[in-house]
């Protein structure tokens, strides 16, 4: 049975920097997205064919859905490129994690006199460092958007207010909620992906044929839902940052 590790394993070093199997998987996911984007950009036509029509219809439907989340079509269109990029990266990373070879192809390394198996590839979002980095990007971006949209005074006025004890307490809660977003974002995605990875390893070890198929389908669905949740919350945070604090 493949050993289960909650932390990403180091498979090598580049210029003294450790390269983990989850980092390698994230690079592979980015490469896949770049190749797909390049191919699709070369096939775009002014008079779209059936496939391009289908893709445009999906994008339009998703944009309409995001407009209901953001409360404005203009705001949804403004942030849609960022939200869609995060959605696609999380989705591809999640789905690649169940491909053959992930977690089963690797290297044998000697640590403290013991030989350990190190998977060459592992789902990128099964690494807390990756999900934490995504959460930090979203939260920091929301702060920047807030400063640009409503000004530094109004934006930081959400968190620091000396107008009254109640306003100060509300600002304190807002500050705590900003840090809670980072923890919620990172642990939600990490927990679901890591739990799915452990479940598949156990099922494949116990019953390697036929039985794992429904669980693989379940992981495809969970991967889609987690990517969608991450994207929706990103849109909510970015859209709320453009609103001035209400009294």
C-alpha atoms as a PDB file:
ATOM      1  CA  UNK A   1       0.000   0.000   0.000  1.00  0.00           C
ATOM      2  CA  UNK A   2       1.263   3.488  -0.884  1.00  0.00           C
ATOM      3  CA  UNK A   3       2.240   5.341   2.320  1.00  0.00           C
ATOM      4  CA  UNK A   4      -0.039   8.255   3.226  1.00  0.00           C
ATOM      5  CA  UNK A   5       1.691  11.524   4.108  1.00  0.00           C
ATOM      6  CA  UNK A   6      -0.114  14.720   5.067  1.00  0.00           C
ATOM      7  CA  UNK A   7       2.816  16.799   3.813  1.00  0.00           C
ATOM      8  CA  UNK A   8       4.184  16.995   0.287  1.00  0.00           C
ATOM      9  CA  UNK A   9       7.318  14.920  -0.370  1.00  0.00           C
ATOM     10  CA  UNK A  10      10.497  16.444  -1.807  1.00  0.00           C
ATOM     11  CA  UNK A  11      11.621  14.736  -5.006  1.00  0.00           C
ATOM     12  CA  UNK A  12      14.603  16.951  -5.833  1.00  0.00           C
ATOM     13  CA  UNK A  13      16.167  20.392  -5.712  1.00  0.00           C
ATOM     14  CA  UNK A  14      16.711  23.201  -8.219  1.00  0.00           C
ATOM     15  CA  UNK A  15      19.303  25.828  -7.231  1.00  0.00           C
ATOM     16  CA  UNK A  16      18.979  24.679  -3.647  1.00  0.00           C
ATOM     17  CA  UNK A  17      15.181  25.058  -3.631  1.00  0.00           C
ATOM     18  CA  UNK A  18      13.152  21.919  -2.806  1.00  0.00           C
ATOM     19  CA  UNK A  19      10.843  20.608  -5.538  1.00  0.00           C
ATOM     20  CA  UNK A  20       7.895  18.671  -4.127  1.00  0.00           C
ATOM     21  CA  UNK A  21       5.605  16.262  -5.939  1.00  0.00           C
ATOM     22  CA  UNK A  22       2.640  18.630  -5.471  1.00  0.00           C
ATOM     23  CA  UNK A  23       4.645  21.519  -6.923  1.00  0.00           C
ATOM     24  CA  UNK A  24       5.503  19.380  -9.940  1.00  0.00           C
ATOM     25  CA  UNK A  25       1.815  18.494 -10.320  1.00  0.00           C
ATOM     26  CA  UNK A  26       0.853  22.181 -10.200  1.00  0.00           C
ATOM     27  CA  UNK A  27       3.391  22.949 -12.943  1.00  0.00           C
ATOM     28  CA  UNK A  28       1.885  20.139 -15.008  1.00  0.00           C
ATOM     29  CA  UNK A  29      -1.629  21.534 -14.478  1.00  0.00           C
ATOM     30  CA  UNK A  30      -0.471  24.987 -15.600  1.00  0.00           C
ATOM     31  CA  UNK A  31       1.181  23.473 -18.653  1.00  0.00           C
ATOM     32  CA  UNK A  32      -2.050  21.689 -19.590  1.00  0.00           C
ATOM     33  CA  UNK A  33      -4.041  24.926 -19.258  1.00  0.00           C
ATOM     34  CA  UNK A  34      -1.485  26.875 -21.313  1.00  0.00           C
ATOM     35  CA  UNK A  35      -1.553  24.285 -24.106  1.00  0.00           C
ATOM     36  CA  UNK A  36      -5.376  24.204 -24.167  1.00  0.00           C
ATOM     37  CA  UNK A  37      -5.553  28.021 -24.205  1.00  0.00           C
ATOM     38  CA  UNK A  38      -2.985  28.197 -27.021  1.00  0.00           C
ATOM     39  CA  UNK A  39      -4.795  25.610 -29.150  1.00  0.00           C
ATOM     40  CA  UNK A  40      -8.195  27.206 -28.545  1.00  0.00           C
ATOM     41  CA  UNK A  41      -6.885  30.697 -29.366  1.00  0.00           C
ATOM     42  CA  UNK A  42      -5.651  29.423 -32.732  1.00  0.00           C
ATOM     43  CA  UNK A  43      -9.033  27.910 -33.604  1.00  0.00           C
ATOM     44  CA  UNK A  44     -11.185  30.960 -32.772  1.00  0.00           C
ATOM     45  CA  UNK A  45     -13.272  32.187 -35.691  1.00  0.00           C
ATOM     46  CA  UNK A  46     -15.489  35.203 -36.271  1.00  0.00           C
ATOM     47  CA  UNK A  47     -18.181  32.812 -37.440  1.00  0.00           C
ATOM     48  CA  UNK A  48     -18.045  30.150 -34.734  1.00  0.00           C
ATOM     49  CA  UNK A  49     -18.520  26.467 -35.356  1.00  0.00           C
ATOM     50  CA  UNK A  50     -20.471  24.061 -33.164  1.00  0.00           C
ATOM     51  CA  UNK A  51     -17.682  23.556 -30.627  1.00  0.00           C
ATOM     52  CA  UNK A  52     -16.934  27.265 -30.281  1.00  0.00           C
ATOM     53  CA  UNK A  53     -20.659  27.970 -29.981  1.00  0.00           C
ATOM     54  CA  UNK A  54     -20.921  25.425 -27.174  1.00  0.00           C
ATOM     55  CA  UNK A  55     -17.932  26.909 -25.317  1.00  0.00           C
ATOM     56  CA  UNK A  56     -19.277  30.449 -25.688  1.00  0.00           C
ATOM     57  CA  UNK A  57     -22.692  29.334 -24.428  1.00  0.00           C
ATOM     58  CA  UNK A  58     -21.089  27.771 -21.334  1.00  0.00           C
ATOM     59  CA  UNK A  59     -19.004  30.886 -20.659  1.00  0.00           C
ATOM     60  CA  UNK A  60     -22.077  33.100 -21.055  1.00  0.00           C
ATOM     61  CA  UNK A  61     -24.097  30.922 -18.673  1.00  0.00           C
ATOM     62  CA  UNK A  62     -21.313  30.962 -16.086  1.00  0.00           C
ATOM     63  CA  UNK A  63     -20.976  34.737 -16.447  1.00  0.00           C
ATOM     64  CA  UNK A  64     -24.729  35.144 -15.875  1.00  0.00           C
ATOM     65  CA  UNK A  65     -24.448  32.977 -12.769  1.00  0.00           C
ATOM     66  CA  UNK A  66     -21.528  35.043 -11.485  1.00  0.00           C
ATOM     67  CA  UNK A  67     -23.521  38.232 -12.148  1.00  0.00           C
ATOM     68  CA  UNK A  68     -26.212  36.999  -9.740  1.00  0.00           C
ATOM     69  CA  UNK A  69     -23.482  36.320  -7.172  1.00  0.00           C
ATOM     70  CA  UNK A  70     -21.773  39.698  -7.606  1.00  0.00           C
ATOM     71  CA  UNK A  71     -25.052  41.616  -7.881  1.00  0.00           C
ATOM     72  CA  UNK A  72     -23.974  43.330 -11.083  1.00  0.00           C
ATOM     73  CA  UNK A  73     -23.088  42.203 -14.581  1.00  0.00           C
ATOM     74  CA  UNK A  74     -20.401  44.889 -14.728  1.00  0.00           C
ATOM     75  CA  UNK A  75     -18.682  43.688 -11.549  1.00  0.00           C
ATOM     76  CA  UNK A  76     -18.918  40.046 -12.638  1.00  0.00           C
ATOM     77  CA  UNK A  77     -17.363  40.880 -16.022  1.00  0.00           C
ATOM     78  CA  UNK A  78     -14.601  42.847 -14.300  1.00  0.00           C
ATOM     79  CA  UNK A  79     -13.491  39.954 -12.102  1.00  0.00           C
ATOM     80  CA  UNK A  80     -14.496  37.040 -14.326  1.00  0.00           C
ATOM     81  CA  UNK A  81     -11.017  36.485 -15.887  1.00  0.00           C
ATOM     82  CA  UNK A  82      -9.424  36.077 -12.448  1.00  0.00           C
ATOM     83  CA  UNK A  83     -12.234  33.935 -11.055  1.00  0.00           C
ATOM     84  CA  UNK A  84     -12.321  31.716 -14.170  1.00  0.00           C
ATOM     85  CA  UNK A  85      -8.542  31.246 -14.047  1.00  0.00           C
ATOM     86  CA  UNK A  86      -8.670  30.148 -10.410  1.00  0.00           C
ATOM     87  CA  UNK A  87     -11.617  27.843 -11.170  1.00  0.00           C
ATOM     88  CA  UNK A  88      -9.867  26.158 -14.095  1.00  0.00           C
ATOM     89  CA  UNK A  89      -6.590  25.726 -12.195  1.00  0.00           C
ATOM     90  CA  UNK A  90      -8.305  24.187  -9.155  1.00  0.00           C
ATOM     91  CA  UNK A  91     -10.498  21.974 -11.372  1.00  0.00           C
ATOM     92  CA  UNK A  92      -7.632  20.666 -13.524  1.00  0.00           C
ATOM     93  CA  UNK A  93      -5.465  20.088 -10.432  1.00  0.00           C
ATOM     94  CA  UNK A  94      -8.274  18.161  -8.728  1.00  0.00           C
ATOM     95  CA  UNK A  95      -9.086  16.009 -11.756  1.00  0.00           C
ATOM     96  CA  UNK A  96      -5.462  15.277 -12.595  1.00  0.00           C
ATOM     97  CA  UNK A  97      -5.028  13.871  -9.099  1.00  0.00           C
ATOM     98  CA  UNK A  98      -7.078  10.781  -9.981  1.00  0.00           C
ATOM     99  CA  UNK A  99      -5.216   9.973 -13.194  1.00  0.00           C
ATOM    100  CA  UNK A 100      -3.191   6.738 -13.342  1.00  0.00           C
ATOM    101  CA  UNK A 101       0.354   7.366 -12.145  1.00  0.00           C
ATOM    102  CA  UNK A 102      -0.512   9.952  -9.528  1.00  0.00           C
ATOM    103  CA  UNK A 103       0.631   8.474  -6.239  1.00  0.00           C
ATOM    104  CA  UNK A 104       1.707   5.154  -7.808  1.00  0.00           C
ATOM    105  CA  UNK A 105       4.760   6.124  -9.900  1.00  0.00           C
ATOM    106  CA  UNK A 106       7.696   7.418  -7.931  1.00  0.00           C
ATOM    107  CA  UNK A 107      11.185   7.064  -6.532  1.00  0.00           C
ATOM    108  CA  UNK A 108      12.741   5.102  -3.714  1.00  0.00           C
ATOM    109  CA  UNK A 109      14.843   7.251  -1.385  1.00  0.00           C
ATOM    110  CA  UNK A 110      16.937   6.303   1.603  1.00  0.00           C
ATOM    111  CA  UNK A 111      16.138   8.199   4.815  1.00  0.00           C
ATOM    112  CA  UNK A 112      17.834   7.344   8.110  1.00  0.00           C
ATOM    113  CA  UNK A 113      18.727   3.883   6.847  1.00  0.00           C
ATOM    114  CA  UNK A 114      15.186   3.123   5.658  1.00  0.00           C
ATOM    115  CA  UNK A 115      14.000   2.967   2.075  1.00  0.00           C
ATOM    116  CA  UNK A 116      10.880   5.067   1.442  1.00  0.00           C
ATOM    117  CA  UNK A 117       8.678   5.311  -1.620  1.00  0.00           C
ATOM    118  CA  UNK A 118       8.166   8.910  -2.783  1.00  0.00           C
ATOM    119  CA  UNK A 119       5.377   9.484  -5.367  1.00  0.00           C
ATOM    120  CA  UNK A 120       6.587  11.521  -8.322  1.00  0.00           C
ATOM    121  CA  UNK A 121       3.204  13.241  -8.710  1.00  0.00           C
ATOM    122  CA  UNK A 122       0.527  14.054  -6.172  1.00  0.00           C
ATOM    123  CA  UNK A 123      -2.614  16.182  -6.418  1.00  0.00           C
ATOM    124  CA  UNK A 124      -1.507  19.808  -6.057  1.00  0.00           C
ATOM    125  CA  UNK A 125      -4.406  20.722  -3.764  1.00  0.00           C
ATOM    126  CA  UNK A 126      -3.568  17.856  -1.407  1.00  0.00           C
ATOM    127  CA  UNK A 127      -0.777  20.154  -0.191  1.00  0.00           C
ATOM    128  CA  UNK A 128      -1.830  22.726   2.419  1.00  0.00           C
ATOM    129  CA  UNK A 129       0.889  25.085   1.180  1.00  0.00           C
ATOM    130  CA  UNK A 130      -0.773  25.245  -2.246  1.00  0.00           C
ATOM    131  CA  UNK A 131      -4.299  25.901  -0.940  1.00  0.00           C
ATOM    132  CA  UNK A 132      -2.921  28.437   1.547  1.00  0.00           C
ATOM    133  CA  UNK A 133      -1.147  30.252  -1.300  1.00  0.00           C
ATOM    134  CA  UNK A 134      -4.394  30.391  -3.308  1.00  0.00           C
ATOM    135  CA  UNK A 135      -6.280  31.709  -0.277  1.00  0.00           C
ATOM    136  CA  UNK A 136      -3.663  34.408   0.343  1.00  0.00           C
ATOM    137  CA  UNK A 137      -3.817  35.481  -3.315  1.00  0.00           C
ATOM    138  CA  UNK A 138      -7.606  35.909  -3.129  1.00  0.00           C
ATOM    139  CA  UNK A 139      -7.638  37.742   0.211  1.00  0.00           C
ATOM    140  CA  UNK A 140      -4.761  40.075  -0.681  1.00  0.00           C
ATOM    141  CA  UNK A 141      -6.367  40.751  -4.068  1.00  0.00           C
ATOM    142  CA  UNK A 142      -9.636  41.669  -2.328  1.00  0.00           C
ATOM    143  CA  UNK A 143      -7.758  44.208  -0.199  1.00  0.00           C
ATOM    144  CA  UNK A 144      -6.162  45.763  -3.280  1.00  0.00           C
ATOM    145  CA  UNK A 145      -9.512  45.852  -5.095  1.00  0.00           C
ATOM    146  CA  UNK A 146     -11.131  47.513  -2.082  1.00  0.00           C
ATOM    147  CA  UNK A 147      -8.469  50.234  -1.922  1.00  0.00           C
ATOM    148  CA  UNK A 148      -8.725  50.925  -5.650  1.00  0.00           C
ATOM    149  CA  UNK A 149     -12.543  50.823  -5.791  1.00  0.00           C
ATOM    150  CA  UNK A 150     -13.630  52.812  -2.718  1.00  0.00           C
ATOM    151  CA  UNK A 151     -10.375  54.347  -1.503  1.00  0.00           C
ATOM    152  CA  UNK A 152      -8.076  53.451   1.380  1.00  0.00           C
ATOM    153  CA  UNK A 153     -10.077  55.520   3.908  1.00  0.00           C
ATOM    154  CA  UNK A 154     -13.400  53.769   3.293  1.00  0.00           C
ATOM    155  CA  UNK A 155     -11.805  50.350   2.856  1.00  0.00           C
ATOM    156  CA  UNK A 156      -9.785  50.335   6.067  1.00  0.00           C
ATOM    157  CA  UNK A 157     -12.708  52.042   7.783  1.00  0.00           C
ATOM    158  CA  UNK A 158     -14.390  48.639   7.663  1.00  0.00           C
ATOM    159  CA  UNK A 159     -11.756  47.319  10.060  1.00  0.00           C
ATOM    160  CA  UNK A 160     -10.775  50.343  12.160  1.00  0.00           C
ATOM    161  CA  UNK A 161     -13.446  52.698  13.455  1.00  0.00           C
ATOM    162  CA  UNK A 162     -13.377  54.809  16.616  1.00  0.00           C
ATOM    163  CA  UNK A 163     -16.773  56.437  16.074  1.00  0.00           C
ATOM    164  CA  UNK A 164     -18.370  54.356  18.819  1.00  0.00           C
ATOM    165  CA  UNK A 165     -17.726  51.198  20.878  1.00  0.00           C
ATOM    166  CA  UNK A 166     -20.137  49.295  18.623  1.00  0.00           C
ATOM    167  CA  UNK A 167     -18.343  50.442  15.454  1.00  0.00           C
ATOM    168  CA  UNK A 168     -15.005  49.479  16.975  1.00  0.00           C
ATOM    169  CA  UNK A 169     -16.320  46.026  17.897  1.00  0.00           C
ATOM    170  CA  UNK A 170     -17.795  45.523  14.411  1.00  0.00           C
ATOM    171  CA  UNK A 171     -14.445  46.540  12.868  1.00  0.00           C
ATOM    172  CA  UNK A 172     -12.698  44.021  15.104  1.00  0.00           C
ATOM    173  CA  UNK A 173     -15.058  41.283  13.902  1.00  0.00           C
ATOM    174  CA  UNK A 174     -14.395  42.291  10.280  1.00  0.00           C
ATOM    175  CA  UNK A 175     -10.643  42.043  10.886  1.00  0.00           C
ATOM    176  CA  UNK A 176     -11.006  38.581  12.417  1.00  0.00           C
ATOM    177  CA  UNK A 177     -13.216  37.492   9.502  1.00  0.00           C
ATOM    178  CA  UNK A 178     -10.499  38.466   7.002  1.00  0.00           C
ATOM    179  CA  UNK A 179      -8.040  36.109   8.675  1.00  0.00           C
ATOM    180  CA  UNK A 180     -10.776  33.478   9.010  1.00  0.00           C
ATOM    181  CA  UNK A 181     -11.261  33.622   5.234  1.00  0.00           C
ATOM    182  CA  UNK A 182      -7.668  32.466   4.738  1.00  0.00           C
ATOM    183  CA  UNK A 183      -8.087  29.502   7.065  1.00  0.00           C
ATOM    184  CA  UNK A 184     -11.525  28.596   5.701  1.00  0.00           C
ATOM    185  CA  UNK A 185     -10.403  28.833   2.075  1.00  0.00           C
ATOM    186  CA  UNK A 186      -7.243  26.806   2.491  1.00  0.00           C
ATOM    187  CA  UNK A 187      -8.478  24.071   4.841  1.00  0.00           C
ATOM    188  CA  UNK A 188     -11.764  23.485   2.982  1.00  0.00           C
ATOM    189  CA  UNK A 189     -10.060  22.720  -0.322  1.00  0.00           C
ATOM    190  CA  UNK A 190      -7.122  20.878   1.249  1.00  0.00           C
ATOM    191  CA  UNK A 191      -9.336  18.759   3.509  1.00  0.00           C
ATOM    192  CA  UNK A 192     -11.660  17.599   0.731  1.00  0.00           C
ATOM    193  CA  UNK A 193      -8.888  16.796  -1.763  1.00  0.00           C
ATOM    194  CA  UNK A 194      -6.646  15.087   0.794  1.00  0.00           C
ATOM    195  CA  UNK A 195      -9.563  13.042   2.172  1.00  0.00           C
ATOM    196  CA  UNK A 196     -10.466  11.930  -1.352  1.00  0.00           C
ATOM    197  CA  UNK A 197      -6.854  10.972  -2.027  1.00  0.00           C
ATOM    198  CA  UNK A 198      -6.707   8.851   1.139  1.00  0.00           C
ATOM    199  CA  UNK A 199     -10.067   7.231   0.336  1.00  0.00           C
ATOM    200  CA  UNK A 200      -8.944   6.212  -3.157  1.00  0.00           C
ATOM    201  CA  UNK A 201      -5.662   4.787  -1.871  1.00  0.00           C
ATOM    202  CA  UNK A 202      -7.470   2.649   0.691  1.00  0.00           C
ATOM    203  CA  UNK A 203     -10.185   1.460  -1.726  1.00  0.00           C
ATOM    204  CA  UNK A 204      -7.681   0.577  -4.464  1.00  0.00           C
ATOM    205  CA  UNK A 205      -5.541  -1.308  -1.945  1.00  0.00           C
ATOM    206  CA  UNK A 206      -8.470  -3.305  -0.541  1.00  0.00           C
ATOM    207  CA  UNK A 207     -10.441  -3.927  -3.759  1.00  0.00           C
ATOM    208  CA  UNK A 208      -8.349  -2.996  -6.808  1.00  0.00           C
ATOM    209  CA  UNK A 209     -10.903  -3.868  -9.518  1.00  0.00           C
ATOM    210  CA  UNK A 210     -14.367  -2.503 -10.455  1.00  0.00           C
ATOM    211  CA  UNK A 211     -15.262  -1.269  -6.932  1.00  0.00           C
ATOM    212  CA  UNK A 212     -13.063   1.892  -7.147  1.00  0.00           C
ATOM    213  CA  UNK A 213     -14.943   3.097 -10.281  1.00  0.00           C
ATOM    214  CA  UNK A 214     -17.863   4.746  -8.386  1.00  0.00           C
ATOM    215  CA  UNK A 215     -15.384   6.420  -6.043  1.00  0.00           C
ATOM    216  CA  UNK A 216     -13.438   7.799  -9.010  1.00  0.00           C
ATOM    217  CA  UNK A 217     -16.687   9.244 -10.387  1.00  0.00           C
ATOM    218  CA  UNK A 218     -17.416  10.704  -6.964  1.00  0.00           C
ATOM    219  CA  UNK A 219     -13.985  12.348  -6.888  1.00  0.00           C
ATOM    220  CA  UNK A 220     -14.654  13.905 -10.307  1.00  0.00           C
ATOM    221  CA  UNK A 221     -17.855  15.405  -8.923  1.00  0.00           C
ATOM    222  CA  UNK A 222     -16.215  16.549  -5.674  1.00  0.00           C
ATOM    223  CA  UNK A 223     -13.352  18.112  -7.634  1.00  0.00           C
ATOM    224  CA  UNK A 224     -15.839  20.102  -9.726  1.00  0.00           C
ATOM    225  CA  UNK A 225     -17.856  21.223  -6.692  1.00  0.00           C
ATOM    226  CA  UNK A 226     -14.757  22.316  -4.758  1.00  0.00           C
ATOM    227  CA  UNK A 227     -13.483  24.323  -7.728  1.00  0.00           C
ATOM    228  CA  UNK A 228     -16.913  25.943  -8.130  1.00  0.00           C
ATOM    229  CA  UNK A 229     -17.143  26.804  -4.422  1.00  0.00           C
ATOM    230  CA  UNK A 230     -13.665  28.336  -4.492  1.00  0.00           C
ATOM    231  CA  UNK A 231     -14.575  30.415  -7.557  1.00  0.00           C
ATOM    232  CA  UNK A 232     -17.923  31.579  -6.145  1.00  0.00           C
ATOM    233  CA  UNK A 233     -16.374  32.644  -2.837  1.00  0.00           C
ATOM    234  CA  UNK A 234     -13.636  34.473  -4.729  1.00  0.00           C
ATOM    235  CA  UNK A 235     -16.265  36.414  -6.679  1.00  0.00           C
ATOM    236  CA  UNK A 236     -18.164  37.210  -3.471  1.00  0.00           C
ATOM    237  CA  UNK A 237     -15.060  38.520  -1.704  1.00  0.00           C
ATOM    238  CA  UNK A 238     -13.929  40.621  -4.667  1.00  0.00           C
ATOM    239  CA  UNK A 239     -17.419  42.021  -5.266  1.00  0.00           C
ATOM    240  CA  UNK A 240     -17.962  42.878  -1.584  1.00  0.00           C
ATOM    241  CA  UNK A 241     -14.637  44.727  -1.560  1.00  0.00           C
ATOM    242  CA  UNK A 242     -16.056  47.216  -4.072  1.00  0.00           C
ATOM    243  CA  UNK A 243     -18.909  48.201  -1.736  1.00  0.00           C
ATOM    244  CA  UNK A 244     -18.597  51.010   0.783  1.00  0.00           C
ATOM    245  CA  UNK A 245     -19.333  49.991   4.384  1.00  0.00           C
ATOM    246  CA  UNK A 246     -22.978  50.502   5.342  1.00  0.00           C
ATOM    247  CA  UNK A 247     -23.967  52.109   8.637  1.00  0.00           C
END
